[in-house]
Amino acid sequence: MTYGFVSLLLLLAQAGTISPQAPMKENRAPVPAQPAPMQQPQSPDVDRWFAITFMQGGNAEMDLAALASQRGSANEVKAYAAKMIAEHKGMSDEMMPILQHVLNTPPAERLAPSDQLARKHLEAVKPVDFDQEYLMTQIGGHLAMLTAFQTEADNGADPQLKEVVRRWTPTIQAHLELAVDMAKHVGGSSPFKH
């Protein structure tokens, strides 16, 4: 049976019905040599989410830094808090006109419920543990902020907002790295200490 099939193919090839070198044509969709890279859809909803997240996070950074300026005991924690106030205010000042355009309304000047709880916790913590607790909130807050910045840079729709976000992302990364580094040796009980 196999011999008969091969003979039939040879006869068809000789008759010019099929070419042994040419692939058989079938009704198939072309397959690209390399798959196209996955592109995330860009969305104005991402811009709105980022605007709200940034405003609440920025408000929390400045609010908790003001508290750290009063309650912090280590000079480096107070210096870090002053840096947070100055740099987050600079970010907010630059982004505010863009954020108002994205939101179509002036953004609310308020803290997210989780940031309100963090503030209450920091107000109640013992002075000896304040610096460490403050730095832990900074690590968590800057991780969340970095995620928001990366999401906006990758998936946002507003080109002006994305450009400003990309420019400030290294600052957020530096804030996070500094908080982690300080948490290793500032007083209190740190999960980073050995």
Protein backbone atom coordinates (compact mmCIF):
# COMPACT_ATOMS: atom_id res chain seq x y z
CA MET A 1 0.00 0.00 0.00
CA THR A 2 2.81 2.41 0.84
CA TYR A 3 4.52 1.56 -2.45
CA GLY A 4 1.32 2.42 -4.35
CA PHE A 5 1.00 5.81 -2.63
CA VAL A 6 4.62 6.75 -3.41
CA SER A 7 4.12 5.67 -7.04
CA LEU A 8 1.02 7.84 -7.30
CA LEU A 9 2.95 10.89 -5.96
CA LEU A 10 5.73 10.30 -8.47
CA LEU A 11 3.25 10.03 -11.36
CA LEU A 12 1.52 13.26 -10.30
CA ALA A 13 4.89 15.04 -9.99
CA GLN A 14 5.87 13.90 -13.50
CA ALA A 15 2.54 15.06 -14.87
CA GLY A 16 3.17 18.52 -13.40
CA THR A 17 0.18 18.38 -11.10
CA ILE A 18 2.39 18.81 -8.04
CA SER A 19 5.96 19.92 -7.70
CA PRO A 20 8.16 17.86 -5.39
CA GLN A 21 9.99 21.03 -4.30
CA ALA A 22 6.96 23.28 -3.86
CA PRO A 23 4.98 22.93 -0.67
CA MET A 24 1.39 21.90 -1.01
CA LYS A 25 -0.96 24.84 -0.74
CA GLU A 26 -3.74 24.55 1.73
CA ASN A 27 -6.27 26.98 3.04
CA ARG A 28 -4.26 28.03 6.13
CA ALA A 29 -3.56 31.37 7.70
CA PRO A 30 0.06 32.41 7.37
CA VAL A 31 2.16 31.78 10.47
CA PRO A 32 4.60 34.56 11.31
CA ALA A 33 8.22 33.54 11.76
CA GLN A 34 8.32 35.17 15.21
CA PRO A 35 5.30 35.96 17.32
CA ALA A 36 4.52 39.64 17.63
CA PRO A 37 5.37 41.06 21.07
CA MET A 38 2.41 41.33 23.40
CA GLN A 39 1.32 44.92 23.73
CA GLN A 40 -0.72 46.00 26.73
CA PRO A 41 -3.73 48.09 25.79
CA GLN A 42 -3.32 51.71 26.72
CA SER A 43 -6.19 53.12 28.68
CA PRO A 44 -7.45 56.41 30.05
CA ASP A 45 -8.73 54.31 32.99
CA VAL A 46 -5.09 53.58 33.89
CA ASP A 47 -4.42 57.33 33.82
CA ARG A 48 -7.34 57.99 36.17
CA TRP A 49 -6.27 55.17 38.51
CA PHE A 50 -2.71 56.50 38.52
CA ALA A 51 -3.87 60.08 39.21
CA ILE A 52 -5.88 59.00 42.26
CA THR A 53 -3.17 56.62 43.50
CA PHE A 54 -0.45 59.22 43.05
CA MET A 55 -2.41 61.97 44.79
CA GLN A 56 -3.30 59.81 47.77
CA GLY A 57 0.20 58.30 47.98
CA GLY A 58 1.88 61.67 47.64
CA ASN A 59 -0.36 63.16 50.32
CA ALA A 60 0.52 60.25 52.60
CA GLU A 61 4.25 60.63 51.94
CA MET A 62 4.19 64.31 52.87
CA ASP A 63 1.85 63.83 55.83
CA LEU A 64 3.83 60.97 57.36
CA ALA A 65 7.11 62.77 56.67
CA ALA A 66 5.83 65.79 58.60
CA LEU A 67 5.01 63.46 61.48
CA ALA A 68 8.50 61.90 61.24
CA SER A 69 10.04 65.36 61.38
CA GLN A 70 8.35 65.83 64.75
CA ARG A 71 8.57 62.33 66.26
CA GLY A 72 11.69 60.87 64.64
CA SER A 73 14.73 60.45 66.87
CA ALA A 74 17.54 59.67 64.40
CA ASN A 75 18.89 62.62 62.45
CA GLU A 76 19.00 60.53 59.28
CA VAL A 77 15.28 59.71 59.62
CA LYS A 78 14.51 63.41 59.98
CA ALA A 79 16.69 64.16 56.95
CA TYR A 80 14.90 61.42 54.99
CA ALA A 81 11.52 62.91 56.00
CA ALA A 82 12.62 66.37 54.82
CA LYS A 83 13.72 64.84 51.51
CA MET A 84 10.33 63.12 51.12
CA ILE A 85 8.48 66.38 51.69
CA ALA A 86 10.63 68.33 49.22
CA GLU A 87 10.73 65.73 46.45
CA HIS A 88 7.11 64.59 46.67
CA LYS A 89 6.02 68.24 46.66
CA GLY A 90 8.14 68.80 43.56
CA MET A 91 6.52 65.80 41.86
CA SER A 92 3.04 66.93 42.85
CA ASP A 93 3.64 70.49 41.65
CA GLU A 94 4.81 69.24 38.26
CA MET A 95 2.07 66.64 37.82
CA MET A 96 -0.90 68.60 39.22
CA PRO A 97 -1.95 70.32 35.94
CA ILE A 98 -1.76 67.01 34.08
CA LEU A 99 -3.64 65.14 36.83
CA GLN A 100 -6.41 67.77 36.88
CA HIS A 101 -6.77 67.35 33.11
CA VAL A 102 -6.87 63.53 33.43
CA LEU A 103 -9.44 63.64 36.26
CA ASN A 104 -11.47 66.54 34.75
CA THR A 105 -11.78 67.85 38.28
CA PRO A 106 -9.45 69.09 41.00
CA PRO A 107 -8.06 66.05 42.84
CA ALA A 108 -9.20 65.54 46.41
CA GLU A 109 -6.67 66.43 49.08
CA ARG A 110 -7.15 63.39 51.31
CA LEU A 111 -5.44 60.25 52.54
CA ALA A 112 -6.51 56.75 51.56
CA PRO A 113 -8.03 54.75 54.45
CA SER A 114 -4.91 52.58 54.68
CA ASP A 115 -2.74 55.71 54.99
CA GLN A 116 -5.05 57.09 57.70
CA LEU A 117 -4.53 53.86 59.64
CA ALA A 118 -0.76 54.07 59.12
CA ARG A 119 -0.78 57.61 60.50
CA LYS A 120 -2.80 56.58 63.57
CA HIS A 121 -0.38 53.71 64.15
CA LEU A 122 2.66 56.00 63.88
CA GLU A 123 1.07 58.52 66.25
CA ALA A 124 0.58 55.78 68.86
CA VAL A 125 3.85 53.85 68.51
CA LYS A 126 6.46 54.13 71.28
CA PRO A 127 9.13 56.75 70.57
CA VAL A 128 11.89 54.11 70.62
CA ASP A 129 10.15 52.24 67.77
CA PHE A 130 8.98 55.23 65.74
CA ASP A 131 11.92 55.47 63.33
CA GLN A 132 11.75 51.79 62.40
CA GLU A 133 7.95 51.82 62.03
CA TYR A 134 8.11 54.96 59.89
CA LEU A 135 10.68 53.37 57.59
CA MET A 136 8.52 50.24 57.23
CA THR A 137 5.61 52.42 56.07
CA GLN A 138 7.98 54.11 53.63
CA ILE A 139 9.06 50.79 52.17
CA GLY A 140 5.46 49.66 51.69
CA GLY A 141 4.34 53.04 50.36
CA HIS A 142 7.17 53.35 47.88
CA LEU A 143 6.71 49.77 46.65
CA ALA A 144 3.07 50.61 45.92
CA MET A 145 4.05 53.93 44.32
CA LEU A 146 6.71 52.29 42.16
CA THR A 147 4.13 49.77 40.94
CA ALA A 148 1.75 52.61 40.08
CA PHE A 149 4.49 54.48 38.20
CA GLN A 150 5.48 51.39 36.21
CA THR A 151 1.85 50.60 35.39
CA GLU A 152 1.24 54.13 34.13
CA ALA A 153 4.48 54.17 32.12
CA ASP A 154 3.57 50.86 30.45
CA ASN A 155 -0.21 51.14 30.07
CA GLY A 156 -1.30 54.76 30.41
CA ALA A 157 -2.84 56.64 27.50
CA ASP A 158 -1.83 60.25 28.20
CA PRO A 159 1.61 60.80 26.61
CA GLN A 160 2.41 63.89 28.70
CA LEU A 161 1.63 62.05 31.94
CA LYS A 162 3.63 59.00 30.87
CA GLU A 163 6.65 61.17 30.06
CA VAL A 164 6.58 62.89 33.49
CA VAL A 165 6.09 59.53 35.22
CA ARG A 166 9.10 58.03 33.43
CA ARG A 167 11.22 61.02 34.46
CA TRP A 168 10.26 60.67 38.16
CA THR A 169 10.40 56.86 38.40
CA PRO A 170 14.13 56.80 39.34
CA THR A 171 13.34 59.16 42.25
CA ILE A 172 10.69 56.78 43.60
CA GLN A 173 13.14 53.88 43.21
CA ALA A 174 15.82 55.87 45.09
CA HIS A 175 13.37 56.66 47.93
CA LEU A 176 12.59 52.95 48.26
CA GLU A 177 16.25 51.90 48.25
CA LEU A 178 17.15 54.55 50.83
CA ALA A 179 14.31 53.46 53.15
CA VAL A 180 15.42 49.81 52.89
CA ASP A 181 19.04 50.75 53.57
CA MET A 182 18.15 52.90 56.57
CA ALA A 183 15.83 50.23 58.03
CA LYS A 184 18.83 47.92 58.33
CA HIS A 185 20.54 50.04 60.97
CA VAL A 186 18.04 52.49 62.48
CA GLY A 187 16.73 51.70 65.98
CA GLY A 188 13.78 49.43 66.69
CA SER A 189 13.12 45.85 65.65
CA SER A 190 13.62 45.51 61.90
CA PRO A 191 12.92 42.43 59.81
CA PHE A 192 16.02 43.43 57.81
CA LYS A 193 18.42 43.16 60.74
CA HIS A 194 20.38 39.96 61.32
